[in-house]
Amino acid sequence: MTQIVLLGPPGSGKGTQASGLEQRWGLVHISSGDLLRAHVKEGTHLGRRAKPYMDRGDLVPDELILDMMAERMGAPDAQRGFALDGFPRTVAQAEALEARLEAIGQKLDAVVYLHVPEEELLRRLSGRRICPSCNAIYQVDTMPPKVAGICDQCGAALIQRQDEQVEVVRNRLRVYAEQTAPLLEHYRRQGLLHEIDGTIGVENVMAELARLLGGVRQQR
């Protein structure tokens, strides 16, 4: 079982790479953002509490995140290994994750940081469009739909998420720099951190991840 964390600011490609790892390596993609959005959509107690933070681009408080993530990591499918996307976001969350893994005799194998310059992140996120029906994702500059504003797969009208409007994106990046960047030093001290240039293209990033995971599995 391989357990990794993908770090990087919003728009760095963590979700895309985690989905690729799930398809190619069998690691379950566990996205805190996807889980939170599902709770908001379903109107759960957690979703109602988290929504105001998410709409502003602020971090959702730890107490709303930790139990949700622990429950998902404990699901049967996650026992074959997982790639965490969007969690942990603070050193406190990282320490809580380590404590929960240690309690069941497990630990992280690697932490990967995808580095992308801020202006590229702004371009990626502010140009992203989502299909509210089938969840397909487009980018108006690099991966546009065949018909502007319409999903190729199901024909629904595409939307821009509230947290991907330009000013909210700027705030998300500011919050990331202030509260999440210290994780790099935390994991560097533990010898777990690996850095990959997130601008080299999806397939090249995946190739770098494949080399890393191959080395991790050989060490087991």
C-alpha atoms as a PDB file:
ATOM      1  CA  MET A   1       0.000   0.000   0.000  1.00  0.00           C
ATOM      2  CA  THR A   2       1.375   3.408  -1.032  1.00  0.00           C
ATOM      3  CA  GLN A   3       0.207   6.583   0.675  1.00  0.00           C
ATOM      4  CA  ILE A   4       1.197   9.989  -0.678  1.00  0.00           C
ATOM      5  CA  VAL A   5       0.248  13.638  -0.368  1.00  0.00           C
ATOM      6  CA  LEU A   6       0.107  16.006  -3.331  1.00  0.00           C
ATOM      7  CA  LEU A   7       0.861  19.599  -2.325  1.00  0.00           C
ATOM      8  CA  GLY A   8       0.607  22.733  -4.407  1.00  0.00           C
ATOM      9  CA  PRO A   9      -1.440  25.918  -4.641  1.00  0.00           C
ATOM     10  CA  PRO A  10      -4.932  25.945  -6.165  1.00  0.00           C
ATOM     11  CA  GLY A  11      -4.647  25.309  -9.901  1.00  0.00           C
ATOM     12  CA  SER A  12      -1.287  23.548  -9.750  1.00  0.00           C
ATOM     13  CA  GLY A  13      -2.724  20.317 -11.136  1.00  0.00           C
ATOM     14  CA  LYS A  14      -3.029  18.216  -7.974  1.00  0.00           C
ATOM     15  CA  GLY A  15      -6.470  16.902  -8.893  1.00  0.00           C
ATOM     16  CA  THR A  16      -5.463  15.983 -12.439  1.00  0.00           C
ATOM     17  CA  GLN A  17      -2.375  14.123 -11.252  1.00  0.00           C
ATOM     18  CA  ALA A  18      -4.218  12.378  -8.403  1.00  0.00           C
ATOM     19  CA  SER A  19      -6.838  11.142 -10.880  1.00  0.00           C
ATOM     20  CA  GLY A  20      -4.032   9.861 -13.098  1.00  0.00           C
ATOM     21  CA  LEU A  21      -2.459   8.029 -10.167  1.00  0.00           C
ATOM     22  CA  GLU A  22      -5.805   6.393  -9.440  1.00  0.00           C
ATOM     23  CA  GLN A  23      -6.157   5.171 -13.018  1.00  0.00           C
ATOM     24  CA  ARG A  24      -2.551   4.056 -13.539  1.00  0.00           C
ATOM     25  CA  TRP A  25      -1.397   3.000 -10.086  1.00  0.00           C
ATOM     26  CA  GLY A  26      -4.633   2.126  -8.271  1.00  0.00           C
ATOM     27  CA  LEU A  27      -4.166   4.810  -5.615  1.00  0.00           C
ATOM     28  CA  VAL A  28      -7.531   6.152  -4.490  1.00  0.00           C
ATOM     29  CA  HIS A  29      -7.841   9.884  -5.182  1.00  0.00           C
ATOM     30  CA  ILE A  30      -9.089  11.551  -1.991  1.00  0.00           C
ATOM     31  CA  SER A  31      -9.827  15.237  -2.548  1.00  0.00           C
ATOM     32  CA  SER A  32     -10.806  17.351   0.436  1.00  0.00           C
ATOM     33  CA  GLY A  33     -12.299  19.924  -1.946  1.00  0.00           C
ATOM     34  CA  ASP A  34     -14.476  17.356  -3.717  1.00  0.00           C
ATOM     35  CA  LEU A  35     -15.659  15.950  -0.397  1.00  0.00           C
ATOM     36  CA  LEU A  36     -16.468  19.414   0.931  1.00  0.00           C
ATOM     37  CA  ARG A  37     -18.338  20.394  -2.240  1.00  0.00           C
ATOM     38  CA  ALA A  38     -20.351  17.177  -2.014  1.00  0.00           C
ATOM     39  CA  HIS A  39     -21.318  18.046   1.562  1.00  0.00           C
ATOM     40  CA  VAL A  40     -22.312  21.573   0.471  1.00  0.00           C
ATOM     41  CA  LYS A  41     -24.376  20.226  -2.442  1.00  0.00           C
ATOM     42  CA  GLU A  42     -26.124  17.715  -0.201  1.00  0.00           C
ATOM     43  CA  GLY A  43     -26.768  20.367   2.454  1.00  0.00           C
ATOM     44  CA  THR A  44     -25.232  18.363   5.279  1.00  0.00           C
ATOM     45  CA  HIS A  45     -24.439  19.951   8.630  1.00  0.00           C
ATOM     46  CA  LEU A  46     -20.748  20.037   7.711  1.00  0.00           C
ATOM     47  CA  GLY A  47     -21.551  21.498   4.296  1.00  0.00           C
ATOM     48  CA  ARG A  48     -23.621  24.330   5.759  1.00  0.00           C
ATOM     49  CA  ARG A  49     -20.830  25.225   8.171  1.00  0.00           C
ATOM     50  CA  ALA A  50     -18.094  25.021   5.526  1.00  0.00           C
ATOM     51  CA  LYS A  51     -19.819  26.952   2.719  1.00  0.00           C
ATOM     52  CA  PRO A  52     -19.141  30.528   3.952  1.00  0.00           C
ATOM     53  CA  TYR A  53     -15.407  29.809   4.222  1.00  0.00           C
ATOM     54  CA  MET A  54     -15.299  28.216   0.786  1.00  0.00           C
ATOM     55  CA  ASP A  55     -17.185  31.084  -0.857  1.00  0.00           C
ATOM     56  CA  ARG A  56     -14.612  33.565   0.477  1.00  0.00           C
ATOM     57  CA  GLY A  57     -11.626  31.400  -0.516  1.00  0.00           C
ATOM     58  CA  ASP A  58     -10.614  30.909   3.129  1.00  0.00           C
ATOM     59  CA  LEU A  59      -9.434  27.628   4.635  1.00  0.00           C
ATOM     60  CA  VAL A  60     -12.174  25.556   6.226  1.00  0.00           C
ATOM     61  CA  PRO A  61     -11.392  25.099   9.961  1.00  0.00           C
ATOM     62  CA  ASP A  62      -9.492  21.964  10.936  1.00  0.00           C
ATOM     63  CA  GLU A  63     -12.282  20.520  13.050  1.00  0.00           C
ATOM     64  CA  LEU A  64     -14.541  20.392   9.987  1.00  0.00           C
ATOM     65  CA  ILE A  65     -11.902  18.658   7.880  1.00  0.00           C
ATOM     66  CA  LEU A  66     -10.158  16.059  10.043  1.00  0.00           C
ATOM     67  CA  ASP A  67     -13.049  13.708  10.795  1.00  0.00           C
ATOM     68  CA  MET A  68     -14.285  13.918   7.198  1.00  0.00           C
ATOM     69  CA  MET A  69     -10.874  12.942   5.830  1.00  0.00           C
ATOM     70  CA  ALA A  70     -10.280  10.220   8.428  1.00  0.00           C
ATOM     71  CA  GLU A  71     -13.601   8.628   7.560  1.00  0.00           C
ATOM     72  CA  ARG A  72     -12.761   8.620   3.843  1.00  0.00           C
ATOM     73  CA  MET A  73      -9.245   7.254   4.384  1.00  0.00           C
ATOM     74  CA  GLY A  74     -10.739   4.462   6.459  1.00  0.00           C
ATOM     75  CA  ALA A  75     -13.065   3.306   3.665  1.00  0.00           C
ATOM     76  CA  PRO A  76     -12.364  -0.174   2.208  1.00  0.00           C
ATOM     77  CA  ASP A  77     -11.217   1.081  -1.210  1.00  0.00           C
ATOM     78  CA  ALA A  78      -8.580   3.357   0.377  1.00  0.00           C
ATOM     79  CA  GLN A  79      -6.848   0.384   1.972  1.00  0.00           C
ATOM     80  CA  ARG A  80      -5.010  -0.328  -1.282  1.00  0.00           C
ATOM     81  CA  GLY A  81      -3.313   3.093  -1.067  1.00  0.00           C
ATOM     82  CA  PHE A  82      -4.289   6.699  -1.625  1.00  0.00           C
ATOM     83  CA  ALA A  83      -3.212  10.076  -2.968  1.00  0.00           C
ATOM     84  CA  LEU A  84      -4.387  12.966  -0.814  1.00  0.00           C
ATOM     85  CA  ASP A  85      -5.297  16.120  -2.750  1.00  0.00           C
ATOM     86  CA  GLY A  86      -5.886  19.353  -0.826  1.00  0.00           C
ATOM     87  CA  PHE A  87      -5.141  17.834   2.585  1.00  0.00           C
ATOM     88  CA  PRO A  88      -3.292  18.540   4.772  1.00  0.00           C
ATOM     89  CA  ARG A  89      -3.204  22.310   4.284  1.00  0.00           C
ATOM     90  CA  THR A  90      -1.592  23.348   7.545  1.00  0.00           C
ATOM     91  CA  VAL A  91       1.147  21.959   9.767  1.00  0.00           C
ATOM     92  CA  ALA A  92      -1.500  21.254  12.428  1.00  0.00           C
ATOM     93  CA  GLN A  93      -3.459  19.150   9.935  1.00  0.00           C
ATOM     94  CA  ALA A  94      -0.257  17.348   8.908  1.00  0.00           C
ATOM     95  CA  GLU A  95       0.530  16.479  12.514  1.00  0.00           C
ATOM     96  CA  ALA A  96      -3.023  15.249  13.062  1.00  0.00           C
ATOM     97  CA  LEU A  97      -2.770  13.094   9.933  1.00  0.00           C
ATOM     98  CA  GLU A  98       0.534  11.619  11.072  1.00  0.00           C
ATOM     99  CA  ALA A  99      -0.936  10.800  14.497  1.00  0.00           C
ATOM    100  CA  ARG A 100      -3.929   9.030  12.959  1.00  0.00           C
ATOM    101  CA  LEU A 101      -1.746   7.007  10.605  1.00  0.00           C
ATOM    102  CA  GLU A 102       0.689   6.115  13.384  1.00  0.00           C
ATOM    103  CA  ALA A 103      -2.208   4.875  15.524  1.00  0.00           C
ATOM    104  CA  ILE A 104      -2.968   2.212  12.904  1.00  0.00           C
ATOM    105  CA  GLY A 105       0.670   1.381  12.187  1.00  0.00           C
ATOM    106  CA  GLN A 106       0.946   3.333   8.921  1.00  0.00           C
ATOM    107  CA  LYS A 107       2.834   6.354   7.599  1.00  0.00           C
ATOM    108  CA  LEU A 108       3.166   8.519   4.506  1.00  0.00           C
ATOM    109  CA  ASP A 109       5.540   7.310   1.800  1.00  0.00           C
ATOM    110  CA  ALA A 110       6.093  10.610  -0.005  1.00  0.00           C
ATOM    111  CA  VAL A 111       4.927  14.203  -0.290  1.00  0.00           C
ATOM    112  CA  VAL A 112       5.033  15.814  -3.746  1.00  0.00           C
ATOM    113  CA  TYR A 113       4.943  19.574  -4.266  1.00  0.00           C
ATOM    114  CA  LEU A 114       3.835  20.844  -7.684  1.00  0.00           C
ATOM    115  CA  HIS A 115       5.357  24.280  -8.235  1.00  0.00           C
ATOM    116  CA  VAL A 116       3.554  26.724 -10.571  1.00  0.00           C
ATOM    117  CA  PRO A 117       4.079  30.548 -10.746  1.00  0.00           C
ATOM    118  CA  GLU A 118       1.225  32.719  -9.461  1.00  0.00           C
ATOM    119  CA  GLU A 119       0.315  34.345 -12.789  1.00  0.00           C
ATOM    120  CA  GLU A 120      -0.041  30.932 -14.403  1.00  0.00           C
ATOM    121  CA  LEU A 121      -2.258  29.823 -11.514  1.00  0.00           C
ATOM    122  CA  LEU A 122      -4.488  32.875 -11.976  1.00  0.00           C
ATOM    123  CA  ARG A 123      -4.808  32.146 -15.687  1.00  0.00           C
ATOM    124  CA  ARG A 124      -5.620  28.492 -15.119  1.00  0.00           C
ATOM    125  CA  LEU A 125      -8.194  28.979 -12.389  1.00  0.00           C
ATOM    126  CA  SER A 126     -10.016  32.057 -13.679  1.00  0.00           C
ATOM    127  CA  GLY A 127     -10.391  30.313 -17.052  1.00  0.00           C
ATOM    128  CA  ARG A 128     -11.704  27.036 -15.687  1.00  0.00           C
ATOM    129  CA  ARG A 129     -15.324  26.037 -16.353  1.00  0.00           C
ATOM    130  CA  ILE A 130     -17.224  23.136 -14.801  1.00  0.00           C
ATOM    131  CA  CYS A 131     -20.204  21.134 -16.008  1.00  0.00           C
ATOM    132  CA  PRO A 132     -22.722  21.066 -13.129  1.00  0.00           C
ATOM    133  CA  SER A 133     -24.326  17.945 -14.585  1.00  0.00           C
ATOM    134  CA  CYS A 134     -21.475  15.506 -15.306  1.00  0.00           C
ATOM    135  CA  ASN A 135     -18.571  17.330 -13.563  1.00  0.00           C
ATOM    136  CA  ALA A 136     -16.463  17.585 -16.741  1.00  0.00           C
ATOM    137  CA  ILE A 137     -13.773  20.282 -16.492  1.00  0.00           C
ATOM    138  CA  TYR A 138     -12.678  22.692 -19.244  1.00  0.00           C
ATOM    139  CA  GLN A 139     -10.194  25.553 -19.543  1.00  0.00           C
ATOM    140  CA  VAL A 140     -11.142  28.363 -21.905  1.00  0.00           C
ATOM    141  CA  ASP A 141      -7.558  28.838 -23.165  1.00  0.00           C
ATOM    142  CA  THR A 142      -6.021  25.370 -23.167  1.00  0.00           C
ATOM    143  CA  MET A 143      -8.930  22.908 -23.136  1.00  0.00           C
ATOM    144  CA  PRO A 144     -12.074  24.699 -24.356  1.00  0.00           C
ATOM    145  CA  PRO A 145     -15.365  22.925 -25.156  1.00  0.00           C
ATOM    146  CA  LYS A 146     -16.270  22.454 -28.833  1.00  0.00           C
ATOM    147  CA  VAL A 147     -19.106  24.968 -28.394  1.00  0.00           C
ATOM    148  CA  ALA A 148     -18.347  27.885 -26.077  1.00  0.00           C
ATOM    149  CA  GLY A 149     -20.106  27.525 -22.748  1.00  0.00           C
ATOM    150  CA  ILE A 150     -21.546  24.076 -23.503  1.00  0.00           C
ATOM    151  CA  CYS A 151     -20.354  20.717 -22.165  1.00  0.00           C
ATOM    152  CA  ASP A 152     -19.106  18.354 -24.888  1.00  0.00           C
ATOM    153  CA  GLN A 153     -20.261  15.294 -22.974  1.00  0.00           C
ATOM    154  CA  CYS A 154     -23.821  16.108 -21.909  1.00  0.00           C
ATOM    155  CA  GLY A 155     -24.750  19.472 -23.453  1.00  0.00           C
ATOM    156  CA  ALA A 156     -25.289  21.285 -20.149  1.00  0.00           C
ATOM    157  CA  ALA A 157     -24.334  24.946 -19.740  1.00  0.00           C
ATOM    158  CA  LEU A 158     -20.907  25.321 -18.135  1.00  0.00           C
ATOM    159  CA  ILE A 159     -20.425  27.390 -14.998  1.00  0.00           C
ATOM    160  CA  GLN A 160     -17.574  29.135 -13.216  1.00  0.00           C
ATOM    161  CA  ARG A 161     -17.240  28.132  -9.590  1.00  0.00           C
ATOM    162  CA  GLN A 162     -17.644  30.941  -7.069  1.00  0.00           C
ATOM    163  CA  ASP A 163     -14.187  30.195  -5.655  1.00  0.00           C
ATOM    164  CA  GLU A 164     -12.562  30.517  -9.098  1.00  0.00           C
ATOM    165  CA  GLN A 165     -13.488  34.126  -9.807  1.00  0.00           C
ATOM    166  CA  VAL A 166     -10.370  36.298 -10.066  1.00  0.00           C
ATOM    167  CA  GLU A 167     -10.544  38.133  -6.727  1.00  0.00           C
ATOM    168  CA  VAL A 168     -11.449  34.951  -4.848  1.00  0.00           C
ATOM    169  CA  VAL A 169      -8.572  33.144  -6.571  1.00  0.00           C
ATOM    170  CA  ARG A 170      -6.167  35.880  -5.458  1.00  0.00           C
ATOM    171  CA  ASN A 171      -7.376  35.439  -1.895  1.00  0.00           C
ATOM    172  CA  ARG A 172      -7.037  31.643  -2.131  1.00  0.00           C
ATOM    173  CA  LEU A 173      -3.430  32.029  -3.265  1.00  0.00           C
ATOM    174  CA  ARG A 174      -2.701  34.505  -0.479  1.00  0.00           C
ATOM    175  CA  VAL A 175      -4.207  32.127   2.092  1.00  0.00           C
ATOM    176  CA  TYR A 176      -2.189  29.274   0.634  1.00  0.00           C
ATOM    177  CA  ALA A 177       1.070  31.183   0.853  1.00  0.00           C
ATOM    178  CA  GLU A 178       0.419  32.223   4.450  1.00  0.00           C
ATOM    179  CA  GLN A 179      -0.950  28.998   5.901  1.00  0.00           C
ATOM    180  CA  THR A 180      -0.019  26.101   3.639  1.00  0.00           C
ATOM    181  CA  ALA A 181       3.499  26.889   2.404  1.00  0.00           C
ATOM    182  CA  PRO A 182       5.028  26.084   5.857  1.00  0.00           C
ATOM    183  CA  LEU A 183       4.128  22.457   5.116  1.00  0.00           C
ATOM    184  CA  LEU A 184       7.021  22.356   2.674  1.00  0.00           C
ATOM    185  CA  GLU A 185       9.551  22.878   5.436  1.00  0.00           C
ATOM    186  CA  HIS A 186       7.672  20.471   7.723  1.00  0.00           C
ATOM    187  CA  TYR A 187       7.929  17.651   5.190  1.00  0.00           C
ATOM    188  CA  ARG A 188      11.413  18.634   4.048  1.00  0.00           C
ATOM    189  CA  ARG A 189      12.671  18.114   7.592  1.00  0.00           C
ATOM    190  CA  GLN A 190      11.157  14.625   7.530  1.00  0.00           C
ATOM    191  CA  GLY A 191      12.866  13.771   4.253  1.00  0.00           C
ATOM    192  CA  LEU A 192       9.522  13.154   2.531  1.00  0.00           C
ATOM    193  CA  LEU A 193       9.351  16.170   0.219  1.00  0.00           C
ATOM    194  CA  HIS A 194       9.839  15.901  -3.551  1.00  0.00           C
ATOM    195  CA  GLU A 195       9.367  18.916  -5.838  1.00  0.00           C
ATOM    196  CA  ILE A 196       8.126  18.779  -9.451  1.00  0.00           C
ATOM    197  CA  ASP A 197       7.733  21.646 -11.922  1.00  0.00           C
ATOM    198  CA  GLY A 198       3.989  21.815 -12.528  1.00  0.00           C
ATOM    199  CA  THR A 199       4.388  23.714 -15.816  1.00  0.00           C
ATOM    200  CA  ILE A 200       6.049  20.920 -17.828  1.00  0.00           C
ATOM    201  CA  GLY A 201       2.770  19.396 -19.009  1.00  0.00           C
ATOM    202  CA  VAL A 202       0.388  16.792 -17.590  1.00  0.00           C
ATOM    203  CA  GLU A 203       2.117  13.757 -19.107  1.00  0.00           C
ATOM    204  CA  ASN A 204       5.598  14.902 -18.105  1.00  0.00           C
ATOM    205  CA  VAL A 205       4.470  15.522 -14.528  1.00  0.00           C
ATOM    206  CA  MET A 206       2.886  12.066 -14.464  1.00  0.00           C
ATOM    207  CA  ALA A 207       6.121  10.549 -15.742  1.00  0.00           C
ATOM    208  CA  GLU A 208       8.021  12.232 -12.891  1.00  0.00           C
ATOM    209  CA  LEU A 209       5.460  10.895 -10.400  1.00  0.00           C
ATOM    210  CA  ALA A 210       5.745   7.401 -11.877  1.00  0.00           C
ATOM    211  CA  ARG A 211       9.528   7.446 -11.383  1.00  0.00           C
ATOM    212  CA  LEU A 212       9.080   8.615  -7.816  1.00  0.00           C
ATOM    213  CA  LEU A 213       6.468   5.976  -6.974  1.00  0.00           C
ATOM    214  CA  GLY A 214       8.582   3.282  -8.568  1.00  0.00           C
ATOM    215  CA  GLY A 215      11.428   4.214  -6.236  1.00  0.00           C
ATOM    216  CA  VAL A 216       9.113   4.318  -3.209  1.00  0.00           C
ATOM    217  CA  ARG A 217       7.789   0.846  -3.904  1.00  0.00           C
ATOM    218  CA  GLN A 218      11.280  -0.572  -4.380  1.00  0.00           C
ATOM    219  CA  GLN A 219      12.228   0.726  -0.928  1.00  0.00           C
ATOM    220  CA  ARG A 220       9.295  -1.072   0.743  1.00  0.00           C
END
